[in-house]
Amino acid sequence: MTPSPAPPASRDIDPQTPLIPFTPGRVMFFLLILLGLGVSLVMGLFGPIGADSYVYMGCWAAAWAVAILLVLFFPKNLDMRTTVWIILIAGLLFRVAMLPAPESDDVYRYLWEGEVSAQGYSPYELAPDDPALEHLRDETIWPGINHPDQTACYPPLMTLLFTVVSLVWYSPMAIKIIMLLADMGTLGLLLWILARKRQPLRYAWLYAACPLLLTAMAGQGHLDALQNLLLTATLAAWLAQRPKLMFLMLGLAVQAKYVAILALPFVIDRRTIAHSWVFGLAVILPFGPFYQDGVFRSLFHFGSAMAFNGSLHWLLRGITGSIQVG
C-alpha cells in the first residue's frame, strides 16, 4: 500500500523561521520598549513633578529619547496588524505604569463638582467653600480642591461626566482611568489616520511614548485627554468625508475644553457648511441643565485675572501688568 503524500508546507510560514526573527535591530527595539516602561514606572512611582528636579528631568529626557529611538529602530517588514498591536500594547503599558503618579489637584475639582451636581446643587452657583455644601465635605477629596472660593469653570458636558463618575466611583483613580482610556483612543485614531494617509505607522510612537502625555493624562488625570480624543476624531471624520460626525465631534471637543472652538474655521467650507448645525447643537444642548447658573463666571475670572506657567506669561505680564498666579 502506497503511503499518502505529506501535505504541502504552507507558503506563508516557514516552520524553521520564527514569526519575528530576533535580529540585532529588533532586539534593540524591544529593549527600548522595556526601557520606556521602566522610565514610566520610575516617573509614576517617584512622586510629583519637581519632587527631585534632577531625577525627573533625567527621566523626562530618557523618555523623549526612547520615543524618538522607537521610531528609528521600529522593525521593518512587519504587517499592519502586528505593527498596530505592538504600538497599542506598549502605549497602554506605558500609561498603566504612570497610574501611581500623584494626580493633579484639578482631579479633586472634577470629583467634587460631580458630587455637588449629583446631590442636586449647581457647582456653577456654589463654590466648594460655600457653607451650604459643608455637609458634603470629606477628608479625601474636599481638602485637595484648588481655588475653593471659585465656582466651576469647566463646560457643562464635563460636569455631567463628573456627576456620573461620582455616582459610580468617587475616587481620583476613576478619573485617571477615564483619561488613560481617552488617551488610548486618541492613539488608535492616530494610527488610523496614518494608515489612511499612507504614512509610516511608526510615527505614532511620538504620541504613544511622549512623556508629556504620559504624565499629564494617565499620571495626573487632566481632562485634556478627552479634548485630544474628540479633536482627533474630528480630523478622522474630516478625512472620512463625514461632515455631520465631524461637527458632532468638534462640538463635543468644545464641551470638553472651550479652546477647541479655535478649530472651527479649519473645518468649515462650501462642502461642509450645510452640516454645521450639528456643531451648534452639540455645543449648546449640554448647557440646558445649567443655563441659569452663571456658567461662565469663574471662566472669565480665571481667564482675566489668573495664569499658570504660560509660555508667553512673562511677556504678557510685562505688557498688561501683574495678575494673580494660580
C-alpha atoms as a PDB file:
ATOM      1  CA  MET A   1       0.000   0.000   0.000  1.00  0.00           C
ATOM      2  CA  THR A   2       1.466   3.293  -1.094  1.00  0.00           C
ATOM      3  CA  PRO A   3       1.597   5.887   1.743  1.00  0.00           C
ATOM      4  CA  SER A   4      -0.313   9.078   1.064  1.00  0.00           C
ATOM      5  CA  PRO A   5       1.854  12.056   0.308  1.00  0.00           C
ATOM      6  CA  ALA A   6       2.539  14.547   3.111  1.00  0.00           C
ATOM      7  CA  PRO A   7       0.516  17.766   2.916  1.00  0.00           C
ATOM      8  CA  PRO A   8       2.372  20.586   1.238  1.00  0.00           C
ATOM      9  CA  ALA A   9       4.119  23.029   3.542  1.00  0.00           C
ATOM     10  CA  SER A  10       2.472  26.403   3.946  1.00  0.00           C
ATOM     11  CA  ARG A  11       3.932  29.024   1.674  1.00  0.00           C
ATOM     12  CA  ASP A  12       3.197  31.679   4.299  1.00  0.00           C
ATOM     13  CA  ILE A  13       5.062  30.292   7.313  1.00  0.00           C
ATOM     14  CA  ASP A  14       8.388  28.509   7.249  1.00  0.00           C
ATOM     15  CA  PRO A  15       8.382  26.195  10.311  1.00  0.00           C
ATOM     16  CA  GLN A  16      12.124  26.776  10.673  1.00  0.00           C
ATOM     17  CA  THR A  17      11.770  30.564  10.768  1.00  0.00           C
ATOM     18  CA  PRO A  18      10.346  32.478  13.793  1.00  0.00           C
ATOM     19  CA  LEU A  19       7.454  34.843  13.066  1.00  0.00           C
ATOM     20  CA  ILE A  20       9.513  37.804  14.285  1.00  0.00           C
ATOM     21  CA  PRO A  21      13.215  36.993  13.829  1.00  0.00           C
ATOM     22  CA  PHE A  22      15.293  38.445  16.636  1.00  0.00           C
ATOM     23  CA  THR A  23      17.816  40.367  14.624  1.00  0.00           C
ATOM     24  CA  PRO A  24      20.049  42.838  16.497  1.00  0.00           C
ATOM     25  CA  GLY A  25      17.825  45.717  15.402  1.00  0.00           C
ATOM     26  CA  ARG A  26      14.709  44.037  16.735  1.00  0.00           C
ATOM     27  CA  VAL A  27      16.422  43.132  19.992  1.00  0.00           C
ATOM     28  CA  MET A  28      17.309  46.812  20.351  1.00  0.00           C
ATOM     29  CA  PHE A  29      13.692  47.743  19.613  1.00  0.00           C
ATOM     30  CA  PHE A  30      12.259  45.508  22.338  1.00  0.00           C
ATOM     31  CA  LEU A  31      14.933  46.685  24.779  1.00  0.00           C
ATOM     32  CA  LEU A  32      13.811  50.240  24.059  1.00  0.00           C
ATOM     33  CA  ILE A  33      10.228  49.287  24.910  1.00  0.00           C
ATOM     34  CA  LEU A  34      11.434  47.817  28.210  1.00  0.00           C
ATOM     35  CA  LEU A  35      13.460  50.964  28.884  1.00  0.00           C
ATOM     36  CA  GLY A  36      10.419  53.132  28.148  1.00  0.00           C
ATOM     37  CA  LEU A  37       8.330  51.034  30.507  1.00  0.00           C
ATOM     38  CA  GLY A  38      10.997  51.321  33.200  1.00  0.00           C
ATOM     39  CA  VAL A  39      11.207  55.097  32.837  1.00  0.00           C
ATOM     40  CA  SER A  40       7.406  55.337  33.032  1.00  0.00           C
ATOM     41  CA  LEU A  41       7.426  53.256  36.221  1.00  0.00           C
ATOM     42  CA  VAL A  42      10.046  55.495  37.798  1.00  0.00           C
ATOM     43  CA  MET A  43       8.098  58.649  36.922  1.00  0.00           C
ATOM     44  CA  GLY A  44       4.865  57.051  38.116  1.00  0.00           C
ATOM     45  CA  LEU A  45       6.294  55.919  41.454  1.00  0.00           C
ATOM     46  CA  PHE A  46       8.728  58.725  42.103  1.00  0.00           C
ATOM     47  CA  GLY A  47       6.317  61.456  43.083  1.00  0.00           C
ATOM     48  CA  PRO A  48       5.031  64.752  41.745  1.00  0.00           C
ATOM     49  CA  ILE A  49       6.918  66.713  39.133  1.00  0.00           C
ATOM     50  CA  GLY A  50       9.518  68.793  40.924  1.00  0.00           C
ATOM     51  CA  ALA A  51       9.971  66.414  43.876  1.00  0.00           C
ATOM     52  CA  ASP A  52      13.562  66.000  42.704  1.00  0.00           C
ATOM     53  CA  SER A  53      14.113  68.063  39.593  1.00  0.00           C
ATOM     54  CA  TYR A  54      17.306  66.264  38.535  1.00  0.00           C
ATOM     55  CA  VAL A  55      15.776  62.794  38.688  1.00  0.00           C
ATOM     56  CA  TYR A  56      12.623  63.879  36.922  1.00  0.00           C
ATOM     57  CA  MET A  57      14.471  65.822  34.232  1.00  0.00           C
ATOM     58  CA  GLY A  58      16.636  62.757  33.627  1.00  0.00           C
ATOM     59  CA  CYS A  59      13.573  60.545  33.264  1.00  0.00           C
ATOM     60  CA  TRP A  60      11.914  63.123  31.029  1.00  0.00           C
ATOM     61  CA  ALA A  61      14.944  63.275  28.716  1.00  0.00           C
ATOM     62  CA  ALA A  62      15.221  59.487  28.677  1.00  0.00           C
ATOM     63  CA  ALA A  63      11.532  59.133  27.805  1.00  0.00           C
ATOM     64  CA  TRP A  64      11.870  61.524  24.867  1.00  0.00           C
ATOM     65  CA  ALA A  65      14.953  59.683  23.673  1.00  0.00           C
ATOM     66  CA  VAL A  66      13.040  56.378  23.845  1.00  0.00           C
ATOM     67  CA  ALA A  67      10.141  57.826  21.828  1.00  0.00           C
ATOM     68  CA  ILE A  68      12.472  59.015  19.069  1.00  0.00           C
ATOM     69  CA  LEU A  69      14.566  55.836  19.040  1.00  0.00           C
ATOM     70  CA  LEU A  70      11.436  53.680  18.834  1.00  0.00           C
ATOM     71  CA  VAL A  71      10.643  55.443  15.559  1.00  0.00           C
ATOM     72  CA  LEU A  72      14.149  54.900  14.242  1.00  0.00           C
ATOM     73  CA  PHE A  73      14.503  51.252  15.344  1.00  0.00           C
ATOM     74  CA  PHE A  74      10.986  50.113  14.535  1.00  0.00           C
ATOM     75  CA  PRO A  75      11.258  46.690  12.834  1.00  0.00           C
ATOM     76  CA  LYS A  76      10.805  46.697   9.086  1.00  0.00           C
ATOM     77  CA  ASN A  77       8.572  44.372   7.093  1.00  0.00           C
ATOM     78  CA  LEU A  78       6.003  43.871   9.843  1.00  0.00           C
ATOM     79  CA  ASP A  79       2.416  43.597   8.664  1.00  0.00           C
ATOM     80  CA  MET A  80      -0.006  46.372   9.630  1.00  0.00           C
ATOM     81  CA  ARG A  81      -1.906  44.332  12.232  1.00  0.00           C
ATOM     82  CA  THR A  82       1.268  43.374  14.103  1.00  0.00           C
ATOM     83  CA  THR A  83       2.516  46.943  13.970  1.00  0.00           C
ATOM     84  CA  VAL A  84      -0.743  48.320  15.374  1.00  0.00           C
ATOM     85  CA  TRP A  85      -0.865  45.791  18.195  1.00  0.00           C
ATOM     86  CA  ILE A  86       2.751  46.392  19.227  1.00  0.00           C
ATOM     87  CA  ILE A  87       2.218  50.165  19.403  1.00  0.00           C
ATOM     88  CA  LEU A  88      -1.124  49.900  21.218  1.00  0.00           C
ATOM     89  CA  ILE A  89       0.086  47.354  23.785  1.00  0.00           C
ATOM     90  CA  ALA A  90       3.302  49.253  24.517  1.00  0.00           C
ATOM     91  CA  GLY A  91       1.403  52.554  24.712  1.00  0.00           C
ATOM     92  CA  LEU A  92      -1.053  51.007  27.167  1.00  0.00           C
ATOM     93  CA  LEU A  93       1.741  49.591  29.333  1.00  0.00           C
ATOM     94  CA  PHE A  94       3.499  52.971  29.451  1.00  0.00           C
ATOM     95  CA  ARG A  95       0.270  54.597  30.630  1.00  0.00           C
ATOM     96  CA  VAL A  96      -0.620  51.956  33.191  1.00  0.00           C
ATOM     97  CA  ALA A  97       2.871  52.390  34.644  1.00  0.00           C
ATOM     98  CA  MET A  98       2.062  56.089  35.198  1.00  0.00           C
ATOM     99  CA  LEU A  99      -1.164  55.490  37.136  1.00  0.00           C
ATOM    100  CA  PRO A 100       0.538  55.551  40.590  1.00  0.00           C
ATOM    101  CA  ALA A 101       1.737  59.127  39.967  1.00  0.00           C
ATOM    102  CA  PRO A 102       0.130  61.809  42.169  1.00  0.00           C
ATOM    103  CA  GLU A 103      -2.950  63.211  40.477  1.00  0.00           C
ATOM    104  CA  SER A 104      -3.380  66.901  39.686  1.00  0.00           C
ATOM    105  CA  ASP A 105      -5.435  68.913  42.149  1.00  0.00           C
ATOM    106  CA  ASP A 106      -7.779  69.544  39.201  1.00  0.00           C
ATOM    107  CA  VAL A 107      -8.960  65.957  39.659  1.00  0.00           C
ATOM    108  CA  TYR A 108     -10.339  66.837  43.090  1.00  0.00           C
ATOM    109  CA  ARG A 109     -12.388  69.603  41.500  1.00  0.00           C
ATOM    110  CA  TYR A 110     -13.702  67.201  38.863  1.00  0.00           C
ATOM    111  CA  LEU A 111     -14.908  64.791  41.535  1.00  0.00           C
ATOM    112  CA  TRP A 112     -16.217  67.453  43.904  1.00  0.00           C
ATOM    113  CA  GLU A 113     -18.213  69.225  41.221  1.00  0.00           C
ATOM    114  CA  GLY A 114     -19.645  65.893  40.108  1.00  0.00           C
ATOM    115  CA  GLU A 115     -20.687  65.102  43.661  1.00  0.00           C
ATOM    116  CA  VAL A 116     -22.231  68.546  44.113  1.00  0.00           C
ATOM    117  CA  SER A 117     -24.237  68.092  40.925  1.00  0.00           C
ATOM    118  CA  ALA A 118     -25.257  64.556  41.887  1.00  0.00           C
ATOM    119  CA  GLN A 119     -26.639  65.904  45.166  1.00  0.00           C
ATOM    120  CA  GLY A 120     -28.878  68.382  43.369  1.00  0.00           C
ATOM    121  CA  TYR A 121     -26.761  71.546  43.675  1.00  0.00           C
ATOM    122  CA  SER A 122     -25.100  73.546  40.919  1.00  0.00           C
ATOM    123  CA  PRO A 123     -21.293  73.792  41.025  1.00  0.00           C
ATOM    124  CA  TYR A 124     -21.650  76.928  38.871  1.00  0.00           C
ATOM    125  CA  GLU A 125     -23.580  78.660  41.688  1.00  0.00           C
ATOM    126  CA  LEU A 126     -21.880  77.333  44.818  1.00  0.00           C
ATOM    127  CA  ALA A 127     -18.111  77.323  45.314  1.00  0.00           C
ATOM    128  CA  PRO A 128     -16.517  74.450  47.253  1.00  0.00           C
ATOM    129  CA  ASP A 129     -16.099  76.571  50.387  1.00  0.00           C
ATOM    130  CA  ASP A 130     -19.738  77.682  50.384  1.00  0.00           C
ATOM    131  CA  PRO A 131     -21.340  76.870  53.789  1.00  0.00           C
ATOM    132  CA  ALA A 132     -24.354  75.374  52.007  1.00  0.00           C
ATOM    133  CA  LEU A 133     -22.121  72.489  50.866  1.00  0.00           C
ATOM    134  CA  GLU A 134     -20.416  71.884  54.192  1.00  0.00           C
ATOM    135  CA  HIS A 135     -22.251  68.600  54.724  1.00  0.00           C
ATOM    136  CA  LEU A 136     -20.644  67.197  51.541  1.00  0.00           C
ATOM    137  CA  ARG A 137     -17.071  67.746  52.681  1.00  0.00           C
ATOM    138  CA  ASP A 138     -14.937  64.678  53.284  1.00  0.00           C
ATOM    139  CA  GLU A 139     -11.350  64.063  54.348  1.00  0.00           C
ATOM    140  CA  THR A 140     -10.072  62.873  50.964  1.00  0.00           C
ATOM    141  CA  ILE A 141     -11.452  64.987  48.115  1.00  0.00           C
ATOM    142  CA  TRP A 142     -12.506  68.318  49.605  1.00  0.00           C
ATOM    143  CA  PRO A 143      -9.134  69.280  51.211  1.00  0.00           C
ATOM    144  CA  GLY A 144      -7.353  68.848  47.852  1.00  0.00           C
ATOM    145  CA  ILE A 145      -9.569  71.214  45.851  1.00  0.00           C
ATOM    146  CA  ASN A 146      -7.745  74.144  44.285  1.00  0.00           C
ATOM    147  CA  HIS A 147      -9.257  77.643  44.438  1.00  0.00           C
ATOM    148  CA  PRO A 148     -12.113  76.574  46.748  1.00  0.00           C
ATOM    149  CA  ASP A 149     -13.532  80.097  46.619  1.00  0.00           C
ATOM    150  CA  GLN A 150     -14.280  79.801  42.883  1.00  0.00           C
ATOM    151  CA  THR A 151     -17.248  78.093  41.253  1.00  0.00           C
ATOM    152  CA  ALA A 152     -16.893  75.588  38.402  1.00  0.00           C
ATOM    153  CA  CYS A 153     -15.359  76.767  35.129  1.00  0.00           C
ATOM    154  CA  TYR A 154     -15.475  73.555  33.080  1.00  0.00           C
ATOM    155  CA  PRO A 155     -18.028  73.111  30.260  1.00  0.00           C
ATOM    156  CA  PRO A 156     -21.375  71.544  31.255  1.00  0.00           C
ATOM    157  CA  LEU A 157     -20.753  68.248  29.448  1.00  0.00           C
ATOM    158  CA  MET A 158     -17.716  67.680  31.658  1.00  0.00           C
ATOM    159  CA  THR A 159     -19.794  68.429  34.746  1.00  0.00           C
ATOM    160  CA  LEU A 160     -22.316  65.821  33.624  1.00  0.00           C
ATOM    161  CA  LEU A 161     -19.482  63.326  33.107  1.00  0.00           C
ATOM    162  CA  PHE A 162     -18.066  64.085  36.563  1.00  0.00           C
ATOM    163  CA  THR A 163     -21.536  63.542  38.001  1.00  0.00           C
ATOM    164  CA  VAL A 164     -21.690  60.035  36.552  1.00  0.00           C
ATOM    165  CA  VAL A 165     -18.172  59.283  37.805  1.00  0.00           C
ATOM    166  CA  SER A 166     -19.005  60.465  41.326  1.00  0.00           C
ATOM    167  CA  LEU A 167     -22.033  58.171  41.397  1.00  0.00           C
ATOM    168  CA  VAL A 168     -20.060  55.139  40.188  1.00  0.00           C
ATOM    169  CA  TRP A 169     -16.631  55.523  41.848  1.00  0.00           C
ATOM    170  CA  TYR A 170     -15.808  58.634  43.853  1.00  0.00           C
ATOM    171  CA  SER A 171     -12.052  58.259  43.518  1.00  0.00           C
ATOM    172  CA  PRO A 172      -9.200  60.039  41.696  1.00  0.00           C
ATOM    173  CA  MET A 173      -8.274  56.703  40.132  1.00  0.00           C
ATOM    174  CA  ALA A 174     -11.626  56.650  38.310  1.00  0.00           C
ATOM    175  CA  ILE A 175     -10.772  59.948  36.607  1.00  0.00           C
ATOM    176  CA  LYS A 176      -7.253  58.767  35.743  1.00  0.00           C
ATOM    177  CA  ILE A 177      -8.540  55.557  34.171  1.00  0.00           C
ATOM    178  CA  ILE A 178     -11.028  57.516  32.048  1.00  0.00           C
ATOM    179  CA  MET A 179      -8.264  59.835  30.850  1.00  0.00           C
ATOM    180  CA  LEU A 180      -5.988  56.860  30.156  1.00  0.00           C
ATOM    181  CA  LEU A 181      -8.685  55.238  28.012  1.00  0.00           C
ATOM    182  CA  ALA A 182      -9.336  58.513  26.187  1.00  0.00           C
ATOM    183  CA  ASP A 183      -5.617  58.865  25.511  1.00  0.00           C
ATOM    184  CA  MET A 184      -5.511  55.325  24.136  1.00  0.00           C
ATOM    185  CA  GLY A 185      -8.475  56.173  21.927  1.00  0.00           C
ATOM    186  CA  THR A 186      -6.502  59.090  20.529  1.00  0.00           C
ATOM    187  CA  LEU A 187      -3.550  56.810  19.819  1.00  0.00           C
ATOM    188  CA  GLY A 188      -5.820  54.377  17.994  1.00  0.00           C
ATOM    189  CA  LEU A 189      -7.283  57.176  15.862  1.00  0.00           C
ATOM    190  CA  LEU A 190      -3.810  58.467  15.048  1.00  0.00           C
ATOM    191  CA  LEU A 191      -2.848  55.026  13.776  1.00  0.00           C
ATOM    192  CA  TRP A 192      -5.980  55.001  11.601  1.00  0.00           C
ATOM    193  CA  ILE A 193      -5.169  58.469  10.261  1.00  0.00           C
ATOM    194  CA  LEU A 194      -1.578  57.477   9.454  1.00  0.00           C
ATOM    195  CA  ALA A 195      -2.815  54.389   7.622  1.00  0.00           C
ATOM    196  CA  ARG A 196      -5.432  56.433   5.772  1.00  0.00           C
ATOM    197  CA  LYS A 197      -2.776  58.945   4.694  1.00  0.00           C
ATOM    198  CA  ARG A 198      -0.380  56.096   3.765  1.00  0.00           C
ATOM    199  CA  GLN A 199       2.199  57.330   6.244  1.00  0.00           C
ATOM    200  CA  PRO A 200       4.512  55.042   8.272  1.00  0.00           C
ATOM    201  CA  LEU A 201       2.727  53.863  11.411  1.00  0.00           C
ATOM    202  CA  ARG A 202       5.975  54.076  13.369  1.00  0.00           C
ATOM    203  CA  TYR A 203       5.441  57.841  13.708  1.00  0.00           C
ATOM    204  CA  ALA A 204       2.695  57.052  16.224  1.00  0.00           C
ATOM    205  CA  TRP A 205       5.450  56.295  18.745  1.00  0.00           C
ATOM    206  CA  LEU A 206       5.895  60.061  19.159  1.00  0.00           C
ATOM    207  CA  TYR A 207       2.442  60.061  20.732  1.00  0.00           C
ATOM    208  CA  ALA A 208       2.476  56.617  22.321  1.00  0.00           C
ATOM    209  CA  ALA A 209       5.680  57.300  24.298  1.00  0.00           C
ATOM    210  CA  CYS A 210       5.507  61.091  24.715  1.00  0.00           C
ATOM    211  CA  PRO A 211       6.417  61.861  28.361  1.00  0.00           C
ATOM    212  CA  LEU A 212       4.220  64.978  28.449  1.00  0.00           C
ATOM    213  CA  LEU A 213       1.156  62.930  27.539  1.00  0.00           C
ATOM    214  CA  LEU A 214       2.062  60.051  29.849  1.00  0.00           C
ATOM    215  CA  THR A 215       2.468  62.428  32.765  1.00  0.00           C
ATOM    216  CA  ALA A 216      -0.479  64.740  32.126  1.00  0.00           C
ATOM    217  CA  MET A 217      -3.124  62.185  31.148  1.00  0.00           C
ATOM    218  CA  ALA A 218      -2.644  58.828  32.884  1.00  0.00           C
ATOM    219  CA  GLY A 219      -0.326  60.285  35.518  1.00  0.00           C
ATOM    220  CA  GLN A 220      -2.139  63.466  36.555  1.00  0.00           C
ATOM    221  CA  GLY A 221      -5.609  62.833  35.129  1.00  0.00           C
ATOM    222  CA  HIS A 222      -6.112  66.065  33.170  1.00  0.00           C
ATOM    223  CA  LEU A 223      -9.274  66.189  31.066  1.00  0.00           C
ATOM    224  CA  ASP A 224      -7.242  67.428  28.081  1.00  0.00           C
ATOM    225  CA  ALA A 225      -7.186  63.727  27.174  1.00  0.00           C
ATOM    226  CA  LEU A 226     -10.874  63.971  26.262  1.00  0.00           C
ATOM    227  CA  GLN A 227     -10.318  67.099  24.196  1.00  0.00           C
ATOM    228  CA  ASN A 228      -7.445  65.394  22.352  1.00  0.00           C
ATOM    229  CA  LEU A 229      -9.627  62.375  21.622  1.00  0.00           C
ATOM    230  CA  LEU A 230     -12.513  64.450  20.282  1.00  0.00           C
ATOM    231  CA  LEU A 231     -10.308  66.724  18.186  1.00  0.00           C
ATOM    232  CA  THR A 232      -8.564  63.695  16.692  1.00  0.00           C
ATOM    233  CA  ALA A 233     -11.977  62.164  15.993  1.00  0.00           C
ATOM    234  CA  THR A 234     -12.903  65.428  14.261  1.00  0.00           C
ATOM    235  CA  LEU A 235      -9.887  65.066  11.982  1.00  0.00           C
ATOM    236  CA  ALA A 236     -10.652  61.400  11.317  1.00  0.00           C
ATOM    237  CA  ALA A 237     -14.253  62.240  10.362  1.00  0.00           C
ATOM    238  CA  TRP A 238     -12.999  65.000   8.075  1.00  0.00           C
ATOM    239  CA  LEU A 239     -10.697  62.534   6.317  1.00  0.00           C
ATOM    240  CA  ALA A 240     -13.573  60.062   6.008  1.00  0.00           C
ATOM    241  CA  GLN A 241     -15.749  62.816   4.490  1.00  0.00           C
ATOM    242  CA  ARG A 242     -18.421  62.504   7.164  1.00  0.00           C
ATOM    243  CA  PRO A 243     -19.281  66.153   7.919  1.00  0.00           C
ATOM    244  CA  LYS A 244     -22.098  65.534  10.415  1.00  0.00           C
ATOM    245  CA  LEU A 245     -19.880  63.295  12.530  1.00  0.00           C
ATOM    246  CA  MET A 246     -17.045  65.802  12.155  1.00  0.00           C
ATOM    247  CA  PHE A 247     -19.141  68.687  13.508  1.00  0.00           C
ATOM    248  CA  LEU A 248     -20.522  66.492  16.296  1.00  0.00           C
ATOM    249  CA  MET A 249     -17.010  65.550  17.443  1.00  0.00           C
ATOM    250  CA  LEU A 250     -15.836  69.160  17.273  1.00  0.00           C
ATOM    251  CA  GLY A 251     -18.860  70.358  19.236  1.00  0.00           C
ATOM    252  CA  LEU A 252     -18.164  67.781  21.926  1.00  0.00           C
ATOM    253  CA  ALA A 253     -14.496  68.834  21.911  1.00  0.00           C
ATOM    254  CA  VAL A 254     -15.630  72.390  22.724  1.00  0.00           C
ATOM    255  CA  GLN A 255     -17.688  70.886  25.537  1.00  0.00           C
ATOM    256  CA  ALA A 256     -14.511  69.222  26.798  1.00  0.00           C
ATOM    257  CA  LYS A 257     -12.484  72.459  26.758  1.00  0.00           C
ATOM    258  CA  TYR A 258     -13.729  75.703  25.264  1.00  0.00           C
ATOM    259  CA  VAL A 259     -10.441  76.413  23.495  1.00  0.00           C
ATOM    260  CA  ALA A 260     -11.260  73.696  20.936  1.00  0.00           C
ATOM    261  CA  ILE A 261     -13.554  76.208  19.210  1.00  0.00           C
ATOM    262  CA  LEU A 262     -10.423  77.610  17.542  1.00  0.00           C
ATOM    263  CA  ALA A 263     -10.514  74.587  15.218  1.00  0.00           C
ATOM    264  CA  LEU A 264     -13.906  75.553  13.760  1.00  0.00           C
ATOM    265  CA  PRO A 265     -12.645  77.807  10.919  1.00  0.00           C
ATOM    266  CA  PHE A 266     -10.443  74.975   9.643  1.00  0.00           C
ATOM    267  CA  VAL A 267     -13.325  72.552   9.022  1.00  0.00           C
ATOM    268  CA  ILE A 268     -15.948  74.861   7.516  1.00  0.00           C
ATOM    269  CA  ASP A 269     -16.027  75.164   3.745  1.00  0.00           C
ATOM    270  CA  ARG A 270     -18.635  75.133   0.979  1.00  0.00           C
ATOM    271  CA  ARG A 271     -18.884  71.353   1.186  1.00  0.00           C
ATOM    272  CA  THR A 272     -19.446  71.138   4.948  1.00  0.00           C
ATOM    273  CA  ILE A 273     -21.188  74.356   5.992  1.00  0.00           C
ATOM    274  CA  ALA A 274     -24.668  72.905   5.413  1.00  0.00           C
ATOM    275  CA  HIS A 275     -23.993  70.425   8.223  1.00  0.00           C
ATOM    276  CA  SER A 276     -22.611  72.942  10.738  1.00  0.00           C
ATOM    277  CA  TRP A 277     -25.920  72.995  12.641  1.00  0.00           C
ATOM    278  CA  VAL A 278     -24.753  69.745  14.254  1.00  0.00           C
ATOM    279  CA  PHE A 279     -21.879  71.667  15.826  1.00  0.00           C
ATOM    280  CA  GLY A 280     -24.274  74.245  17.240  1.00  0.00           C
ATOM    281  CA  LEU A 281     -26.478  71.606  18.833  1.00  0.00           C
ATOM    282  CA  ALA A 282     -23.515  69.721  20.304  1.00  0.00           C
ATOM    283  CA  VAL A 283     -22.197  72.917  21.890  1.00  0.00           C
ATOM    284  CA  ILE A 284     -25.490  74.370  23.127  1.00  0.00           C
ATOM    285  CA  LEU A 285     -27.550  71.420  24.370  1.00  0.00           C
ATOM    286  CA  PRO A 286     -25.310  70.483  27.371  1.00  0.00           C
ATOM    287  CA  PHE A 287     -25.900  73.990  28.775  1.00  0.00           C
ATOM    288  CA  GLY A 288     -29.582  73.127  29.269  1.00  0.00           C
ATOM    289  CA  PRO A 289     -29.464  71.912  32.895  1.00  0.00           C
ATOM    290  CA  PHE A 290     -27.265  74.861  33.944  1.00  0.00           C
ATOM    291  CA  TYR A 291     -28.481  77.757  31.772  1.00  0.00           C
ATOM    292  CA  GLN A 292     -29.402  79.947  34.791  1.00  0.00           C
ATOM    293  CA  ASP A 293     -26.344  79.186  36.874  1.00  0.00           C
ATOM    294  CA  GLY A 294     -23.675  81.642  35.714  1.00  0.00           C
ATOM    295  CA  VAL A 295     -21.684  79.010  33.833  1.00  0.00           C
ATOM    296  CA  PHE A 296     -19.030  81.451  32.596  1.00  0.00           C
ATOM    297  CA  ARG A 297     -18.494  83.407  35.812  1.00  0.00           C
ATOM    298  CA  SER A 298     -15.364  81.616  37.005  1.00  0.00           C
ATOM    299  CA  LEU A 299     -14.125  81.089  33.455  1.00  0.00           C
ATOM    300  CA  PHE A 300     -13.901  84.860  32.991  1.00  0.00           C
ATOM    301  CA  HIS A 301     -12.186  85.196  36.368  1.00  0.00           C
ATOM    302  CA  PHE A 302      -9.536  82.579  35.602  1.00  0.00           C
ATOM    303  CA  GLY A 303      -9.007  83.909  32.093  1.00  0.00           C
ATOM    304  CA  SER A 304      -8.668  87.567  33.039  1.00  0.00           C
ATOM    305  CA  ALA A 305      -7.119  87.531  36.493  1.00  0.00           C
ATOM    306  CA  MET A 306      -5.027  84.364  36.759  1.00  0.00           C
ATOM    307  CA  ALA A 307      -2.308  82.469  34.892  1.00  0.00           C
ATOM    308  CA  PHE A 308      -0.045  79.483  35.431  1.00  0.00           C
ATOM    309  CA  ASN A 309       3.130  78.581  33.611  1.00  0.00           C
ATOM    310  CA  GLY A 310       2.111  80.043  30.262  1.00  0.00           C
ATOM    311  CA  SER A 311       4.775  80.181  27.551  1.00  0.00           C
ATOM    312  CA  LEU A 312       4.132  83.918  26.994  1.00  0.00           C
ATOM    313  CA  HIS A 313       3.270  84.610  30.605  1.00  0.00           C
ATOM    314  CA  TRP A 314       6.291  86.775  31.356  1.00  0.00           C
ATOM    315  CA  LEU A 315       5.797  88.848  28.209  1.00  0.00           C
ATOM    316  CA  LEU A 316       2.084  89.433  28.738  1.00  0.00           C
ATOM    317  CA  ARG A 317       2.629  90.391  32.359  1.00  0.00           C
ATOM    318  CA  GLY A 318       5.204  92.927  31.239  1.00  0.00           C
ATOM    319  CA  ILE A 319       2.770  94.449  28.736  1.00  0.00           C
ATOM    320  CA  THR A 320      -0.523  94.296  30.618  1.00  0.00           C
ATOM    321  CA  GLY A 321       0.579  94.409  34.232  1.00  0.00           C
ATOM    322  CA  SER A 322       0.719  91.894  37.044  1.00  0.00           C
ATOM    323  CA  ILE A 323      -2.017  89.303  37.538  1.00  0.00           C
ATOM    324  CA  GLN A 324      -2.518  86.610  40.130  1.00  0.00           C
ATOM    325  CA  VAL A 325      -0.504  83.446  39.604  1.00  0.00           C
ATOM    326  CA  GLY A 326      -2.727  80.415  40.242  1.00  0.00           C
END
